[in-house]
Amino acid sequence: NEAYDAIIRMRKGGGSNGTGGTGGYGRTGGSRYGDIRSMISTGRIQDA
């Protein structure tokens, strides 16, 4: 979890190396949990 949070901070603060344009994992729409919201909306309850 700490590694994941560290990557989020780095990508949010200094430009992401990724192609998703989210500014870091789970930051869709300014939410830390954007990816989890997507899982819930598509019925992937266990993953969420």
All heavy atoms as atom14 arrays in JSON, in Angstrom:
{
  "sequence": "NEAYDAIIRMRKGGGSNGTGGTGGYGRTGGSRYGDIRSMISTGRIQDA",
  "atom14_mask": [
    [1, 1, 1, 1, 1, 1, 1, 1, 0, 0, 0, 0, 0, 0],
    [1, 1, 1, 1, 1, 1, 1, 1, 1, 0, 0, 0, 0, 0],
    [1, 1, 1, 1, 1, 0, 0, 0, 0, 0, 0, 0, 0, 0],
    [1, 1, 1, 1, 1, 1, 1, 1, 1, 1, 1, 1, 0, 0],
    [1, 1, 1, 1, 1, 1, 1, 1, 0, 0, 0, 0, 0, 0],
    [1, 1, 1, 1, 1, 0, 0, 0, 0, 0, 0, 0, 0, 0],
    [1, 1, 1, 1, 1, 1, 1, 1, 0, 0, 0, 0, 0, 0],
    [1, 1, 1, 1, 1, 1, 1, 1, 0, 0, 0, 0, 0, 0],
    [1, 1, 1, 1, 1, 1, 1, 1, 1, 1, 1, 0, 0, 0],
    [1, 1, 1, 1, 1, 1, 1, 1, 0, 0, 0, 0, 0, 0],
    [1, 1, 1, 1, 1, 1, 1, 1, 1, 1, 1, 0, 0, 0],
    [1, 1, 1, 1, 1, 1, 1, 1, 1, 0, 0, 0, 0, 0],
    [1, 1, 1, 1, 0, 0, 0, 0, 0, 0, 0, 0, 0, 0],
    [1, 1, 1, 1, 0, 0, 0, 0, 0, 0, 0, 0, 0, 0],
    [1, 1, 1, 1, 0, 0, 0, 0, 0, 0, 0, 0, 0, 0],
    [1, 1, 1, 1, 1, 1, 0, 0, 0, 0, 0, 0, 0, 0],
    [1, 1, 1, 1, 1, 1, 1, 1, 0, 0, 0, 0, 0, 0],
    [1, 1, 1, 1, 0, 0, 0, 0, 0, 0, 0, 0, 0, 0],
    [1, 1, 1, 1, 1, 1, 1, 0, 0, 0, 0, 0, 0, 0],
    [1, 1, 1, 1, 0, 0, 0, 0, 0, 0, 0, 0, 0, 0],
    [1, 1, 1, 1, 0, 0, 0, 0, 0, 0, 0, 0, 0, 0],
    [1, 1, 1, 1, 1, 1, 1, 0, 0, 0, 0, 0, 0, 0],
    [1, 1, 1, 1, 0, 0, 0, 0, 0, 0, 0, 0, 0, 0],
    [1, 1, 1, 1, 0, 0, 0, 0, 0, 0, 0, 0, 0, 0],
    [1, 1, 1, 1, 1, 1, 1, 1, 1, 1, 1, 1, 0, 0],
    [1, 1, 1, 1, 0, 0, 0, 0, 0, 0, 0, 0, 0, 0],
    [1, 1, 1, 1, 1, 1, 1, 1, 1, 1, 1, 0, 0, 0],
    [1, 1, 1, 1, 1, 1, 1, 0, 0, 0, 0, 0, 0, 0],
    [1, 1, 1, 1, 0, 0, 0, 0, 0, 0, 0, 0, 0, 0],
    [1, 1, 1, 1, 0, 0, 0, 0, 0, 0, 0, 0, 0, 0],
    [1, 1, 1, 1, 1, 1, 0, 0, 0, 0, 0, 0, 0, 0],
    [1, 1, 1, 1, 1, 1, 1, 1, 1, 1, 1, 0, 0, 0],
    [1, 1, 1, 1, 1, 1, 1, 1, 1, 1, 1, 1, 0, 0],
    [1, 1, 1, 1, 0, 0, 0, 0, 0, 0, 0, 0, 0, 0],
    [1, 1, 1, 1, 1, 1, 1, 1, 0, 0, 0, 0, 0, 0],
    [1, 1, 1, 1, 1, 1, 1, 1, 0, 0, 0, 0, 0, 0],
    [1, 1, 1, 1, 1, 1, 1, 1, 1, 1, 1, 0, 0, 0],
    [1, 1, 1, 1, 1, 1, 0, 0, 0, 0, 0, 0, 0, 0],
    [1, 1, 1, 1, 1, 1, 1, 1, 0, 0, 0, 0, 0, 0],
    [1, 1, 1, 1, 1, 1, 1, 1, 0, 0, 0, 0, 0, 0],
    [1, 1, 1, 1, 1, 1, 0, 0, 0, 0, 0, 0, 0, 0],
    [1, 1, 1, 1, 1, 1, 1, 0, 0, 0, 0, 0, 0, 0],
    [1, 1, 1, 1, 0, 0, 0, 0, 0, 0, 0, 0, 0, 0],
    [1, 1, 1, 1, 1, 1, 1, 1, 1, 1, 1, 0, 0, 0],
    [1, 1, 1, 1, 1, 1, 1, 1, 0, 0, 0, 0, 0, 0],
    [1, 1, 1, 1, 1, 1, 1, 1, 1, 0, 0, 0, 0, 0],
    [1, 1, 1, 1, 1, 1, 1, 1, 0, 0, 0, 0, 0, 0],
    [1, 1, 1, 1, 1, 0, 0, 0, 0, 0, 0, 0, 0, 0]
  ],
  "atom14_positions": [
    [[0.82, -1.21, 0.0], [0.0, 0.0, 0.0], [0.86, 1.26, 0.0], [0.54, 2.25, -0.68], [-0.93, 0.01, 1.22], [-2.15, -0.87, 1.01], [-2.73, -0.9, -0.06], [-2.53, -1.62, 2.03], [0.0, 0.0, 0.0], [0.0, 0.0, 0.0], [0.0, 0.0, 0.0], [0.0, 0.0, 0.0], [0.0, 0.0, 0.0], [0.0, 0.0, 0.0]],
    [[1.94, 1.23, 0.77], [2.81, 2.41, 0.83], [3.52, 2.62, -0.5], [3.73, 3.76, -0.93], [3.81, 2.26, 1.97], [3.17, 2.36, 3.35], [4.17, 2.33, 4.48], [5.39, 2.22, 4.19], [3.76, 2.42, 5.64], [0.0, 0.0, 0.0], [0.0, 0.0, 0.0], [0.0, 0.0, 0.0], [0.0, 0.0, 0.0], [0.0, 0.0, 0.0]],
    [[3.89, 1.52, -1.16], [4.52, 1.63, -2.47], [3.54, 2.24, -3.48], [3.88, 3.13, -4.27], [4.99, 0.26, -2.94], [0.0, 0.0, 0.0], [0.0, 0.0, 0.0], [0.0, 0.0, 0.0], [0.0, 0.0, 0.0], [0.0, 0.0, 0.0], [0.0, 0.0, 0.0], [0.0, 0.0, 0.0], [0.0, 0.0, 0.0], [0.0, 0.0, 0.0]],
    [[2.32, 1.75, -3.43], [1.27, 2.25, -4.32], [1.02, 3.74, -4.1], [0.94, 4.54, -5.03], [0.02, 1.4, -4.09], [-1.32, 2.08, -4.21], [-1.76, 2.55, -5.43], [-2.14, 2.22, -3.09], [-3.01, 3.16, -5.53], [-3.37, 2.83, -3.19], [-3.8, 3.3, -4.41], [-5.01, 3.9, -4.52], [0.0, 0.0, 0.0], [0.0, 0.0, 0.0]],
    [[0.94, 4.14, -2.81], [0.72, 5.55, -2.49], [1.9, 6.41, -2.95], [1.72, 7.54, -3.4], [0.51, 5.73, -0.99], [-0.87, 5.27, -0.53], [-1.78, 5.21, -1.38], [-1.04, 4.97, 0.66], [0.0, 0.0, 0.0], [0.0, 0.0, 0.0], [0.0, 0.0, 0.0], [0.0, 0.0, 0.0], [0.0, 0.0, 0.0], [0.0, 0.0, 0.0]],
    [[3.12, 5.86, -2.81], [4.31, 6.62, -3.23], [4.3, 6.86, -4.74], [4.64, 7.95, -5.21], [5.57, 5.86, -2.82], [0.0, 0.0, 0.0], [0.0, 0.0, 0.0], [0.0, 0.0, 0.0], [0.0, 0.0, 0.0], [0.0, 0.0, 0.0], [0.0, 0.0, 0.0], [0.0, 0.0, 0.0], [0.0, 0.0, 0.0], [0.0, 0.0, 0.0]],
    [[3.9, 5.85, -5.49], [3.84, 6.0, -6.95], [2.78, 7.02, -7.33], [2.97, 7.84, -8.23], [3.56, 4.63, -7.61], [4.77, 3.71, -7.43], [3.26, 4.81, -9.1], [4.54, 2.28, -7.9], [0.0, 0.0, 0.0], [0.0, 0.0, 0.0], [0.0, 0.0, 0.0], [0.0, 0.0, 0.0], [0.0, 0.0, 0.0], [0.0, 0.0, 0.0]],
    [[1.66, 7.0, -6.62], [0.6, 7.99, -6.87], [1.14, 9.39, -6.67], [0.95, 10.28, -7.51], [-0.6, 7.76, -5.92], [-1.37, 6.53, -6.32], [-1.53, 8.98, -5.94], [-2.51, 6.22, -5.39], [0.0, 0.0, 0.0], [0.0, 0.0, 0.0], [0.0, 0.0, 0.0], [0.0, 0.0, 0.0], [0.0, 0.0, 0.0], [0.0, 0.0, 0.0]],
    [[1.85, 9.59, -5.55], [2.37, 10.92, -5.24], [3.36, 11.37, -6.3], [3.34, 12.53, -6.75], [3.02, 10.93, -3.86], [2.04, 10.86, -2.7], [2.71, 11.19, -1.38], [3.77, 10.24, -1.07], [3.59, 9.12, -0.38], [2.36, 8.81, 0.03], [4.59, 8.31, -0.12], [0.0, 0.0, 0.0], [0.0, 0.0, 0.0], [0.0, 0.0, 0.0]],
    [[4.25, 10.47, -6.7], [5.25, 10.83, -7.7], [4.61, 11.19, -9.03], [4.97, 12.17, -9.67], [6.24, 9.67, -7.89], [7.2, 9.49, -6.73], [8.52, 8.31, -7.08], [7.6, 6.77, -7.16], [0.0, 0.0, 0.0], [0.0, 0.0, 0.0], [0.0, 0.0, 0.0], [0.0, 0.0, 0.0], [0.0, 0.0, 0.0], [0.0, 0.0, 0.0]],
    [[3.64, 10.39, -9.45], [3.02, 10.62, -10.75], [2.08, 11.83, -10.73], [1.93, 12.53, -11.72], [2.27, 9.37, -11.22], [3.23, 8.22, -11.49], [2.6, 7.08, -12.24], [3.62, 6.12, -12.65], [3.44, 5.21, -13.58], [2.28, 5.13, -14.22], [4.41, 4.38, -13.91], [0.0, 0.0, 0.0], [0.0, 0.0, 0.0], [0.0, 0.0, 0.0]],
    [[1.51, 12.08, -9.59], [0.62, 13.25, -9.48], [1.43, 14.54, -9.45], [1.04, 15.55, -10.04], [-0.22, 13.15, -8.21], [-1.23, 14.28, -8.09], [-2.04, 14.14, -6.82], [-3.06, 15.28, -6.71], [-3.83, 15.22, -5.46], [0.0, 0.0, 0.0], [0.0, 0.0, 0.0], [0.0, 0.0, 0.0], [0.0, 0.0, 0.0], [0.0, 0.0, 0.0]],
    [[2.57, 14.48, -8.81], [3.36, 15.7, -8.65], [4.33, 16.0, -9.76], [4.67, 17.15, -10.01], [0.0, 0.0, 0.0], [0.0, 0.0, 0.0], [0.0, 0.0, 0.0], [0.0, 0.0, 0.0], [0.0, 0.0, 0.0], [0.0, 0.0, 0.0], [0.0, 0.0, 0.0], [0.0, 0.0, 0.0], [0.0, 0.0, 0.0], [0.0, 0.0, 0.0]],
    [[4.76, 14.94, -10.46], [5.81, 15.19, -11.43], [5.58, 14.6, -12.79], [6.52, 14.19, -13.46], [0.0, 0.0, 0.0], [0.0, 0.0, 0.0], [0.0, 0.0, 0.0], [0.0, 0.0, 0.0], [0.0, 0.0, 0.0], [0.0, 0.0, 0.0], [0.0, 0.0, 0.0], [0.0, 0.0, 0.0], [0.0, 0.0, 0.0], [0.0, 0.0, 0.0]],
    [[4.36, 14.5, -13.23], [4.12, 14.0, -14.59], [4.17, 12.5, -14.63], [5.12, 11.88, -14.18], [0.0, 0.0, 0.0], [0.0, 0.0, 0.0], [0.0, 0.0, 0.0], [0.0, 0.0, 0.0], [0.0, 0.0, 0.0], [0.0, 0.0, 0.0], [0.0, 0.0, 0.0], [0.0, 0.0, 0.0], [0.0, 0.0, 0.0], [0.0, 0.0, 0.0]],
    [[3.17, 11.89, -15.17], [3.05, 10.44, -15.2], [3.8, 9.84, -16.36], [3.86, 10.38, -17.45], [1.57, 10.05, -15.3], [1.44, 8.67, -15.53], [0.0, 0.0, 0.0], [0.0, 0.0, 0.0], [0.0, 0.0, 0.0], [0.0, 0.0, 0.0], [0.0, 0.0, 0.0], [0.0, 0.0, 0.0], [0.0, 0.0, 0.0], [0.0, 0.0, 0.0]],
    [[4.4, 8.68, -16.11], [5.02, 7.92, -17.19], [4.0, 7.08, -17.93], [4.28, 6.47, -18.94], [6.1, 6.97, -16.63], [7.3, 7.73, -16.13], [7.69, 8.74, -16.69], [7.89, 7.25, -15.04], [0.0, 0.0, 0.0], [0.0, 0.0, 0.0], [0.0, 0.0, 0.0], [0.0, 0.0, 0.0], [0.0, 0.0, 0.0], [0.0, 0.0, 0.0]],
    [[2.77, 7.02, -17.35], [1.74, 6.16, -17.92], [1.02, 6.85, -19.06], [1.26, 8.01, -19.38], [0.0, 0.0, 0.0], [0.0, 0.0, 0.0], [0.0, 0.0, 0.0], [0.0, 0.0, 0.0], [0.0, 0.0, 0.0], [0.0, 0.0, 0.0], [0.0, 0.0, 0.0], [0.0, 0.0, 0.0], [0.0, 0.0, 0.0], [0.0, 0.0, 0.0]],
    [[0.13, 6.1, -19.64], [-0.59, 6.61, -20.81], [-2.04, 6.92, -20.5], [-2.77, 7.38, -21.36], [-0.54, 5.56, -21.93], [-1.15, 4.36, -21.45], [0.87, 5.29, -22.35], [0.0, 0.0, 0.0], [0.0, 0.0, 0.0], [0.0, 0.0, 0.0], [0.0, 0.0, 0.0], [0.0, 0.0, 0.0], [0.0, 0.0, 0.0], [0.0, 0.0, 0.0]],
    [[-2.45, 6.65, -19.24], [-3.87, 6.8, -18.93], [-4.29, 8.22, -18.68], [-5.46, 8.56, -18.73], [0.0, 0.0, 0.0], [0.0, 0.0, 0.0], [0.0, 0.0, 0.0], [0.0, 0.0, 0.0], [0.0, 0.0, 0.0], [0.0, 0.0, 0.0], [0.0, 0.0, 0.0], [0.0, 0.0, 0.0], [0.0, 0.0, 0.0], [0.0, 0.0, 0.0]],
    [[-3.32, 9.1, -18.34], [-3.65, 10.49, -18.09], [-4.46, 10.71, -16.84], [-5.12, 11.72, -16.69], [0.0, 0.0, 0.0], [0.0, 0.0, 0.0], [0.0, 0.0, 0.0], [0.0, 0.0, 0.0], [0.0, 0.0, 0.0], [0.0, 0.0, 0.0], [0.0, 0.0, 0.0], [0.0, 0.0, 0.0], [0.0, 0.0, 0.0], [0.0, 0.0, 0.0]],
    [[-4.4, 9.77, -15.89], [-5.19, 9.92, -14.67], [-4.41, 10.63, -13.59], [-4.96, 10.96, -12.55], [-5.6, 8.54, -14.13], [-4.42, 7.8, -13.8], [-6.41, 7.77, -15.14], [0.0, 0.0, 0.0], [0.0, 0.0, 0.0], [0.0, 0.0, 0.0], [0.0, 0.0, 0.0], [0.0, 0.0, 0.0], [0.0, 0.0, 0.0], [0.0, 0.0, 0.0]],
    [[-3.09, 10.86, -13.81], [-2.28, 11.48, -12.76], [-1.96, 10.5, -11.67], [-1.63, 10.88, -10.56], [0.0, 0.0, 0.0], [0.0, 0.0, 0.0], [0.0, 0.0, 0.0], [0.0, 0.0, 0.0], [0.0, 0.0, 0.0], [0.0, 0.0, 0.0], [0.0, 0.0, 0.0], [0.0, 0.0, 0.0], [0.0, 0.0, 0.0], [0.0, 0.0, 0.0]],
    [[-2.03, 9.23, -11.93], [-1.7, 8.23, -10.92], [-2.81, 7.24, -10.74], [-3.95, 7.48, -11.15], [0.0, 0.0, 0.0], [0.0, 0.0, 0.0], [0.0, 0.0, 0.0], [0.0, 0.0, 0.0], [0.0, 0.0, 0.0], [0.0, 0.0, 0.0], [0.0, 0.0, 0.0], [0.0, 0.0, 0.0], [0.0, 0.0, 0.0], [0.0, 0.0, 0.0]],
    [[-2.5, 6.12, -10.12], [-3.48, 5.05, -9.96], [-4.68, 5.49, -9.16], [-4.55, 6.04, -8.07], [-2.81, 3.86, -9.27], [-3.77, 2.77, -8.91], [-4.59, 2.2, -9.88], [-3.89, 2.33, -7.61], [-5.48, 1.2, -9.56], [-4.78, 1.32, -7.29], [-5.56, 0.77, -8.26], [-6.44, -0.22, -7.93], [0.0, 0.0, 0.0], [0.0, 0.0, 0.0]],
    [[-5.86, 5.24, -9.71], [-7.08, 5.5, -8.97], [-7.44, 6.96, -8.83], [-8.31, 7.3, -8.05], [0.0, 0.0, 0.0], [0.0, 0.0, 0.0], [0.0, 0.0, 0.0], [0.0, 0.0, 0.0], [0.0, 0.0, 0.0], [0.0, 0.0, 0.0], [0.0, 0.0, 0.0], [0.0, 0.0, 0.0], [0.0, 0.0, 0.0], [0.0, 0.0, 0.0]],
    [[-6.8, 7.86, -9.6], [-7.08, 9.28, -9.44], [-8.08, 9.81, -10.45], [-8.18, 11.0, -10.65], [-5.77, 10.07, -9.57], [-4.77, 9.78, -8.45], [-5.21, 10.39, -7.14], [-4.28, 10.06, -6.08], [-4.36, 10.54, -4.85], [-5.34, 11.33, -4.52], [-3.49, 10.2, -3.93], [0.0, 0.0, 0.0], [0.0, 0.0, 0.0], [0.0, 0.0, 0.0]],
    [[-8.79, 8.93, -11.11], [-9.75, 9.36, -12.11], [-10.74, 10.34, -11.49], [-11.31, 10.09, -10.44], [-10.52, 8.15, -12.66], [-9.57, 7.21, -13.14], [-11.44, 8.56, -13.78], [0.0, 0.0, 0.0], [0.0, 0.0, 0.0], [0.0, 0.0, 0.0], [0.0, 0.0, 0.0], [0.0, 0.0, 0.0], [0.0, 0.0, 0.0], [0.0, 0.0, 0.0]],
    [[-10.95, 11.47, -12.2], [-11.95, 12.43, -11.74], [-11.65, 13.04, -10.39], [-12.54, 13.49, -9.71], [0.0, 0.0, 0.0], [0.0, 0.0, 0.0], [0.0, 0.0, 0.0], [0.0, 0.0, 0.0], [0.0, 0.0, 0.0], [0.0, 0.0, 0.0], [0.0, 0.0, 0.0], [0.0, 0.0, 0.0], [0.0, 0.0, 0.0], [0.0, 0.0, 0.0]],
    [[-10.35, 13.06, -9.98], [-9.97, 13.64, -8.72], [-10.22, 12.73, -7.54], [-10.04, 13.12, -6.39], [0.0, 0.0, 0.0], [0.0, 0.0, 0.0], [0.0, 0.0, 0.0], [0.0, 0.0, 0.0], [0.0, 0.0, 0.0], [0.0, 0.0, 0.0], [0.0, 0.0, 0.0], [0.0, 0.0, 0.0], [0.0, 0.0, 0.0], [0.0, 0.0, 0.0]],
    [[-10.63, 11.51, -7.76], [-10.9, 10.57, -6.69], [-9.74, 9.6, -6.53], [-9.22, 9.08, -7.51], [-12.18, 9.78, -6.98], [-12.28, 8.69, -6.09], [0.0, 0.0, 0.0], [0.0, 0.0, 0.0], [0.0, 0.0, 0.0], [0.0, 0.0, 0.0], [0.0, 0.0, 0.0], [0.0, 0.0, 0.0], [0.0, 0.0, 0.0], [0.0, 0.0, 0.0]],
    [[-9.38, 9.36, -5.29], [-8.33, 8.37, -5.02], [-8.79, 6.98, -5.43], [-7.99, 6.12, -5.72], [-8.02, 8.4, -3.51], [-7.01, 7.35, -3.09], [-6.82, 7.38, -1.59], [-5.84, 6.38, -1.19], [-5.51, 6.11, 0.08], [-6.08, 6.8, 1.04], [-4.62, 5.19, 0.36], [0.0, 0.0, 0.0], [0.0, 0.0, 0.0], [0.0, 0.0, 0.0]],
    [[-10.09, 6.79, -5.43], [-10.65, 5.47, -5.65], [-11.34, 5.33, -7.0], [-12.28, 4.57, -7.14], [-11.65, 5.15, -4.54], [-11.1, 5.31, -3.15], [-11.37, 6.45, -2.4], [-10.3, 4.32, -2.57], [-10.87, 6.61, -1.12], [-9.8, 4.47, -1.29], [-10.08, 5.61, -0.56], [-9.58, 5.76, 0.7], [0.0, 0.0, 0.0], [0.0, 0.0, 0.0]],
    [[-10.88, 6.06, -8.0], [-11.53, 6.03, -9.3], [-11.61, 4.64, -9.89], [-12.63, 4.24, -10.47], [0.0, 0.0, 0.0], [0.0, 0.0, 0.0], [0.0, 0.0, 0.0], [0.0, 0.0, 0.0], [0.0, 0.0, 0.0], [0.0, 0.0, 0.0], [0.0, 0.0, 0.0], [0.0, 0.0, 0.0], [0.0, 0.0, 0.0], [0.0, 0.0, 0.0]],
    [[-10.54, 3.86, -9.74], [-10.52, 2.51, -10.3], [-11.5, 1.59, -9.57], [-12.15, 0.74, -10.16], [-9.1, 1.94, -10.23], [-8.88, 0.83, -11.25], [-9.15, 1.05, -12.44], [-8.45, -0.26, -10.85], [0.0, 0.0, 0.0], [0.0, 0.0, 0.0], [0.0, 0.0, 0.0], [0.0, 0.0, 0.0], [0.0, 0.0, 0.0], [0.0, 0.0, 0.0]],
    [[-11.59, 1.79, -8.25], [-12.52, 0.98, -7.46], [-13.96, 1.33, -7.81], [-14.81, 0.44, -7.92], [-12.25, 1.19, -5.95], [-10.87, 0.62, -5.59], [-13.35, 0.53, -5.11], [-10.45, 0.88, -4.17], [0.0, 0.0, 0.0], [0.0, 0.0, 0.0], [0.0, 0.0, 0.0], [0.0, 0.0, 0.0], [0.0, 0.0, 0.0], [0.0, 0.0, 0.0]],
    [[-14.23, 2.6, -8.03], [-15.57, 3.0, -8.46], [-15.93, 2.33, -9.78], [-17.07, 1.88, -9.97], [-15.64, 4.52, -8.62], [-15.75, 5.28, -7.31], [-15.73, 6.79, -7.55], [-15.97, 7.53, -6.33], [-17.14, 7.91, -5.88], [-18.23, 7.6, -6.56], [-17.27, 8.6, -4.76], [0.0, 0.0, 0.0], [0.0, 0.0, 0.0], [0.0, 0.0, 0.0]],
    [[-14.95, 2.25, -10.67], [-15.2, 1.61, -11.96], [-15.52, 0.13, -11.79], [-16.41, -0.4, -12.44], [-13.97, 1.78, -12.86], [-14.15, 1.13, -14.09], [0.0, 0.0, 0.0], [0.0, 0.0, 0.0], [0.0, 0.0, 0.0], [0.0, 0.0, 0.0], [0.0, 0.0, 0.0], [0.0, 0.0, 0.0], [0.0, 0.0, 0.0], [0.0, 0.0, 0.0]],
    [[-14.8, -0.53, -10.88], [-15.06, -1.95, -10.61], [-16.47, -2.16, -10.09], [-17.18, -3.08, -10.5], [-14.05, -2.48, -9.58], [-12.64, -2.6, -10.09], [-11.55, -3.18, -8.76], [-9.97, -3.09, -9.6], [0.0, 0.0, 0.0], [0.0, 0.0, 0.0], [0.0, 0.0, 0.0], [0.0, 0.0, 0.0], [0.0, 0.0, 0.0], [0.0, 0.0, 0.0]],
    [[-16.89, -1.31, -9.17], [-18.24, -1.44, -8.59], [-19.3, -1.24, -9.67], [-20.27, -2.01, -9.75], [-18.43, -0.44, -7.44], [-17.49, -0.79, -6.28], [-19.89, -0.45, -6.96], [-17.5, 0.24, -5.17], [0.0, 0.0, 0.0], [0.0, 0.0, 0.0], [0.0, 0.0, 0.0], [0.0, 0.0, 0.0], [0.0, 0.0, 0.0], [0.0, 0.0, 0.0]],
    [[-19.09, -0.23, -10.5], [-20.1, 0.07, -11.52], [-20.21, -1.03, -12.57], [-21.25, -1.19, -13.2], [-19.79, 1.4, -12.2], [-18.59, 1.32, -12.95], [0.0, 0.0, 0.0], [0.0, 0.0, 0.0], [0.0, 0.0, 0.0], [0.0, 0.0, 0.0], [0.0, 0.0, 0.0], [0.0, 0.0, 0.0], [0.0, 0.0, 0.0], [0.0, 0.0, 0.0]],
    [[-19.13, -1.81, -12.75], [-19.15, -2.89, -13.74], [-19.39, -4.26, -13.1], [-19.26, -5.28, -13.77], [-17.85, -2.92, -14.55], [-16.72, -3.04, -13.67], [-17.69, -1.66, -15.38], [0.0, 0.0, 0.0], [0.0, 0.0, 0.0], [0.0, 0.0, 0.0], [0.0, 0.0, 0.0], [0.0, 0.0, 0.0], [0.0, 0.0, 0.0], [0.0, 0.0, 0.0]],
    [[-19.73, -4.26, -11.8], [-20.07, -5.51, -11.14], [-18.91, -6.32, -10.63], [-19.09, -7.46, -10.19], [0.0, 0.0, 0.0], [0.0, 0.0, 0.0], [0.0, 0.0, 0.0], [0.0, 0.0, 0.0], [0.0, 0.0, 0.0], [0.0, 0.0, 0.0], [0.0, 0.0, 0.0], [0.0, 0.0, 0.0], [0.0, 0.0, 0.0], [0.0, 0.0, 0.0]],
    [[-17.7, -5.76, -10.64], [-16.53, -6.5, -10.14], [-16.4, -6.24, -8.64], [-15.46, -5.64, -8.15], [-15.29, -6.08, -10.89], [-15.33, -6.43, -12.38], [-14.19, -5.8, -13.15], [-12.89, -6.19, -12.59], [-11.75, -5.59, -12.93], [-11.75, -4.58, -13.78], [-10.61, -5.98, -12.39], [0.0, 0.0, 0.0], [0.0, 0.0, 0.0], [0.0, 0.0, 0.0]],
    [[-17.39, -6.72, -7.91], [-17.51, -6.41, -6.48], [-16.37, -7.02, -5.67], [-15.81, -6.38, -4.77], [-18.87, -6.9, -5.94], [-20.01, -6.28, -6.76], [-19.02, -6.57, -4.47], [-19.97, -4.78, -6.82], [0.0, 0.0, 0.0], [0.0, 0.0, 0.0], [0.0, 0.0, 0.0], [0.0, 0.0, 0.0], [0.0, 0.0, 0.0], [0.0, 0.0, 0.0]],
    [[-16.0, -8.25, -5.97], [-14.94, -8.91, -5.2], [-13.61, -8.19, -5.36], [-12.89, -7.98, -4.39], [-14.81, -10.37, -5.63], [-13.81, -11.16, -4.78], [-13.8, -12.63, -5.13], [-14.48, -13.08, -6.02], [-12.99, -13.4, -4.41], [0.0, 0.0, 0.0], [0.0, 0.0, 0.0], [0.0, 0.0, 0.0], [0.0, 0.0, 0.0], [0.0, 0.0, 0.0]],
    [[-13.29, -7.8, -6.6], [-12.05, -7.07, -6.85], [-12.05, -5.74, -6.1], [-11.04, -5.34, -5.49], [-11.86, -6.81, -8.34], [-11.49, -8.06, -9.11], [-11.06, -9.04, -8.48], [-11.62, -8.06, -10.35], [0.0, 0.0, 0.0], [0.0, 0.0, 0.0], [0.0, 0.0, 0.0], [0.0, 0.0, 0.0], [0.0, 0.0, 0.0], [0.0, 0.0, 0.0]],
    [[-13.18, -5.05, -6.13], [-13.29, -3.76, -5.45], [-13.1, -3.94, -3.94], [-12.4, -3.14, -3.3], [-14.65, -3.14, -5.73], [0.0, 0.0, 0.0], [0.0, 0.0, 0.0], [0.0, 0.0, 0.0], [0.0, 0.0, 0.0], [0.0, 0.0, 0.0], [0.0, 0.0, 0.0], [0.0, 0.0, 0.0], [0.0, 0.0, 0.0], [0.0, 0.0, 0.0]]
  ]
}
